[in-house]
Amino acid sequence: MEETFQHILNKGLENKLLKLDGNGEILGTEKLLYRDGDMRNLRKKNEFLYHANQLTYHKPELDKIFLSLT
């Protein structure tokens, strides 16, 4: 899981789609936009930010699944 986050971070930084603030926080250079009236469908203006957002959202559940497999 950590490898995936690092890969997204590195690619995002290389392509100037992500940036680090001075406190170690990862910020996107563009915002994720929602369609009016539908919170489930994101428009992906920044593909790296979209996938990082999805992985971050699901990380606790994925960690539980991965731990149960070992």
N, C-alpha and C. Protein backbone atom coordinates (compact mmCIF):
# COMPACT_ATOMS: atom_id res chain seq x y z
N MET A 1 0.82 -1.17 0.00
CA MET A 1 0.00 0.00 0.00
C MET A 1 0.88 1.25 0.00
N GLU A 2 1.91 1.23 0.83
CA GLU A 2 2.82 2.38 0.90
C GLU A 2 3.48 2.63 -0.44
N GLU A 3 3.83 1.55 -1.15
CA GLU A 3 4.44 1.69 -2.48
C GLU A 3 3.52 2.43 -3.43
N THR A 4 2.24 2.13 -3.36
CA THR A 4 1.26 2.78 -4.23
C THR A 4 1.19 4.27 -3.93
N PHE A 5 1.14 4.63 -2.65
CA PHE A 5 1.11 6.04 -2.28
C PHE A 5 2.37 6.76 -2.75
N GLN A 6 3.52 6.13 -2.57
CA GLN A 6 4.78 6.75 -2.99
C GLN A 6 4.82 6.93 -4.50
N HIS A 7 4.32 5.95 -5.23
CA HIS A 7 4.31 6.04 -6.69
C HIS A 7 3.43 7.21 -7.14
N ILE A 8 2.24 7.31 -6.57
CA ILE A 8 1.34 8.41 -6.92
C ILE A 8 1.97 9.75 -6.55
N LEU A 9 2.57 9.82 -5.38
CA LEU A 9 3.21 11.06 -4.95
C LEU A 9 4.34 11.45 -5.89
N ASN A 10 5.23 10.51 -6.20
CA ASN A 10 6.36 10.82 -7.07
C ASN A 10 5.92 11.26 -8.45
N LYS A 11 4.97 10.53 -9.05
CA LYS A 11 4.48 10.91 -10.39
C LYS A 11 3.78 12.25 -10.35
N GLY A 12 2.98 12.47 -9.31
CA GLY A 12 2.28 13.74 -9.18
C GLY A 12 3.23 14.91 -9.02
N LEU A 13 4.30 14.73 -8.24
CA LEU A 13 5.29 15.79 -8.06
C LEU A 13 6.07 16.03 -9.36
N GLU A 14 6.44 14.95 -10.05
CA GLU A 14 7.17 15.08 -11.32
C GLU A 14 6.37 15.87 -12.35
N ASN A 15 5.07 15.62 -12.40
CA ASN A 15 4.21 16.26 -13.40
C ASN A 15 3.56 17.54 -12.89
N LYS A 16 3.98 17.99 -11.72
CA LYS A 16 3.49 19.24 -11.12
C LYS A 16 1.97 19.23 -10.90
N LEU A 17 1.42 18.02 -10.62
CA LEU A 17 0.01 17.90 -10.30
C LEU A 17 -0.22 17.88 -8.79
N LEU A 18 0.85 17.56 -8.05
CA LEU A 18 0.82 17.58 -6.59
C LEU A 18 1.97 18.43 -6.09
N LYS A 19 1.83 18.96 -4.89
CA LYS A 19 2.92 19.72 -4.28
C LYS A 19 2.91 19.47 -2.78
N LEU A 20 4.04 19.70 -2.15
CA LEU A 20 4.16 19.56 -0.70
C LEU A 20 4.17 20.95 -0.07
N ASP A 21 3.36 21.13 0.98
CA ASP A 21 3.46 22.40 1.70
C ASP A 21 4.61 22.25 2.69
N GLY A 22 4.95 23.18 3.45
CA GLY A 22 6.10 23.09 4.34
C GLY A 22 5.94 22.12 5.50
N ASN A 23 4.72 21.63 5.73
CA ASN A 23 4.44 20.77 6.88
C ASN A 23 4.28 19.30 6.52
N GLY A 24 4.71 18.91 5.33
CA GLY A 24 4.59 17.52 4.92
C GLY A 24 3.23 17.14 4.37
N GLU A 25 2.34 18.10 4.22
CA GLU A 25 1.02 17.84 3.65
C GLU A 25 1.13 17.82 2.13
N ILE A 26 0.38 16.91 1.51
CA ILE A 26 0.35 16.81 0.06
C ILE A 26 -0.86 17.58 -0.44
N LEU A 27 -0.63 18.48 -1.37
CA LEU A 27 -1.71 19.29 -1.92
C LEU A 27 -1.78 19.10 -3.42
N GLY A 28 -2.97 19.14 -3.95
CA GLY A 28 -3.14 19.09 -5.40
C GLY A 28 -3.04 20.48 -5.97
N THR A 29 -2.58 20.56 -7.20
CA THR A 29 -2.49 21.87 -7.84
C THR A 29 -3.80 22.25 -8.50
N GLU A 30 -4.73 21.29 -8.62
CA GLU A 30 -6.07 21.54 -9.13
C GLU A 30 -7.05 20.91 -8.16
N LYS A 31 -8.30 21.33 -8.24
CA LYS A 31 -9.30 20.79 -7.33
C LYS A 31 -10.11 19.70 -8.02
N LEU A 32 -10.60 18.76 -7.21
CA LEU A 32 -11.57 17.79 -7.72
C LEU A 32 -12.92 18.48 -7.77
N LEU A 33 -13.60 18.31 -8.87
CA LEU A 33 -14.89 18.97 -9.04
C LEU A 33 -16.01 17.94 -9.03
N TYR A 34 -17.11 18.27 -8.40
CA TYR A 34 -18.30 17.43 -8.39
C TYR A 34 -19.31 17.97 -9.38
N ARG A 35 -20.04 17.08 -10.02
CA ARG A 35 -21.14 17.53 -10.86
C ARG A 35 -22.25 18.03 -9.94
N ASP A 36 -22.95 19.05 -10.38
CA ASP A 36 -24.05 19.57 -9.59
C ASP A 36 -25.07 18.47 -9.31
N GLY A 37 -25.42 18.31 -8.05
CA GLY A 37 -26.44 17.36 -7.66
C GLY A 37 -26.00 15.91 -7.56
N ASP A 38 -24.78 15.60 -7.89
CA ASP A 38 -24.34 14.20 -7.82
C ASP A 38 -22.95 14.14 -7.20
N MET A 39 -22.90 13.81 -5.93
CA MET A 39 -21.63 13.77 -5.22
C MET A 39 -20.80 12.53 -5.55
N ARG A 40 -21.40 11.53 -6.22
CA ARG A 40 -20.69 10.28 -6.49
C ARG A 40 -19.79 10.36 -7.72
N ASN A 41 -20.12 11.22 -8.64
CA ASN A 41 -19.37 11.27 -9.90
C ASN A 41 -18.41 12.44 -9.92
N LEU A 42 -17.15 12.14 -9.72
CA LEU A 42 -16.12 13.19 -9.78
C LEU A 42 -15.66 13.38 -11.21
N ARG A 43 -15.45 14.61 -11.59
CA ARG A 43 -14.79 14.87 -12.86
C ARG A 43 -13.30 14.90 -12.58
N LYS A 44 -12.55 14.11 -13.34
CA LYS A 44 -11.13 13.97 -13.06
C LYS A 44 -10.33 15.01 -13.85
N LYS A 45 -10.18 16.18 -13.29
CA LYS A 45 -9.31 17.18 -13.92
C LYS A 45 -7.86 16.86 -13.62
N ASN A 46 -7.59 16.26 -12.48
CA ASN A 46 -6.24 15.92 -12.07
C ASN A 46 -6.26 14.45 -11.68
N GLU A 47 -5.84 13.59 -12.60
CA GLU A 47 -5.94 12.15 -12.40
C GLU A 47 -5.19 11.68 -11.16
N PHE A 48 -4.03 12.24 -10.90
CA PHE A 48 -3.25 11.83 -9.73
C PHE A 48 -3.97 12.20 -8.44
N LEU A 49 -4.51 13.38 -8.39
CA LEU A 49 -5.23 13.81 -7.19
C LEU A 49 -6.47 12.94 -6.99
N TYR A 50 -7.16 12.61 -8.07
CA TYR A 50 -8.35 11.77 -7.97
C TYR A 50 -8.00 10.42 -7.36
N HIS A 51 -6.98 9.75 -7.88
CA HIS A 51 -6.63 8.42 -7.39
C HIS A 51 -6.03 8.48 -5.98
N ALA A 52 -5.27 9.51 -5.69
CA ALA A 52 -4.74 9.67 -4.33
C ALA A 52 -5.90 9.86 -3.35
N ASN A 53 -6.89 10.63 -3.76
CA ASN A 53 -8.07 10.85 -2.94
C ASN A 53 -8.81 9.54 -2.70
N GLN A 54 -8.97 8.74 -3.74
CA GLN A 54 -9.67 7.47 -3.60
C GLN A 54 -8.90 6.50 -2.70
N LEU A 55 -7.59 6.41 -2.88
CA LEU A 55 -6.79 5.52 -2.04
C LEU A 55 -6.81 5.96 -0.59
N THR A 56 -6.73 7.27 -0.36
CA THR A 56 -6.76 7.78 1.00
C THR A 56 -8.10 7.46 1.66
N TYR A 57 -9.17 7.61 0.91
CA TYR A 57 -10.50 7.35 1.44
C TYR A 57 -10.66 5.88 1.83
N HIS A 58 -10.15 4.98 0.99
CA HIS A 58 -10.34 3.55 1.21
C HIS A 58 -9.20 2.89 1.98
N LYS A 59 -8.13 3.62 2.30
CA LYS A 59 -6.95 3.02 2.92
C LYS A 59 -7.25 2.25 4.21
N PRO A 60 -8.03 2.78 5.15
CA PRO A 60 -8.29 2.00 6.38
C PRO A 60 -8.94 0.64 6.09
N GLU A 61 -9.88 0.62 5.17
CA GLU A 61 -10.55 -0.64 4.84
C GLU A 61 -9.60 -1.59 4.11
N LEU A 62 -8.79 -1.04 3.20
CA LEU A 62 -7.82 -1.88 2.49
C LEU A 62 -6.79 -2.45 3.45
N ASP A 63 -6.35 -1.66 4.41
CA ASP A 63 -5.39 -2.16 5.41
C ASP A 63 -5.97 -3.34 6.18
N LYS A 64 -7.25 -3.25 6.55
CA LYS A 64 -7.90 -4.35 7.27
C LYS A 64 -7.91 -5.62 6.40
N ILE A 65 -8.24 -5.44 5.13
CA ILE A 65 -8.30 -6.59 4.22
C ILE A 65 -6.92 -7.21 4.07
N PHE A 66 -5.91 -6.37 3.83
CA PHE A 66 -4.55 -6.89 3.64
C PHE A 66 -4.04 -7.60 4.90
N LEU A 67 -4.34 -7.05 6.07
CA LEU A 67 -3.92 -7.69 7.32
C LEU A 67 -4.59 -9.04 7.51
N SER A 68 -5.84 -9.15 7.08
CA SER A 68 -6.55 -10.43 7.24
C SER A 68 -6.01 -11.49 6.29
N LEU A 69 -5.34 -11.08 5.23
CA LEU A 69 -4.79 -12.03 4.26
C LEU A 69 -3.45 -12.60 4.69
N THR A 70 -2.78 -11.95 5.65
CA THR A 70 -1.46 -12.42 6.06
C THR A 70 -1.53 -13.40 7.21
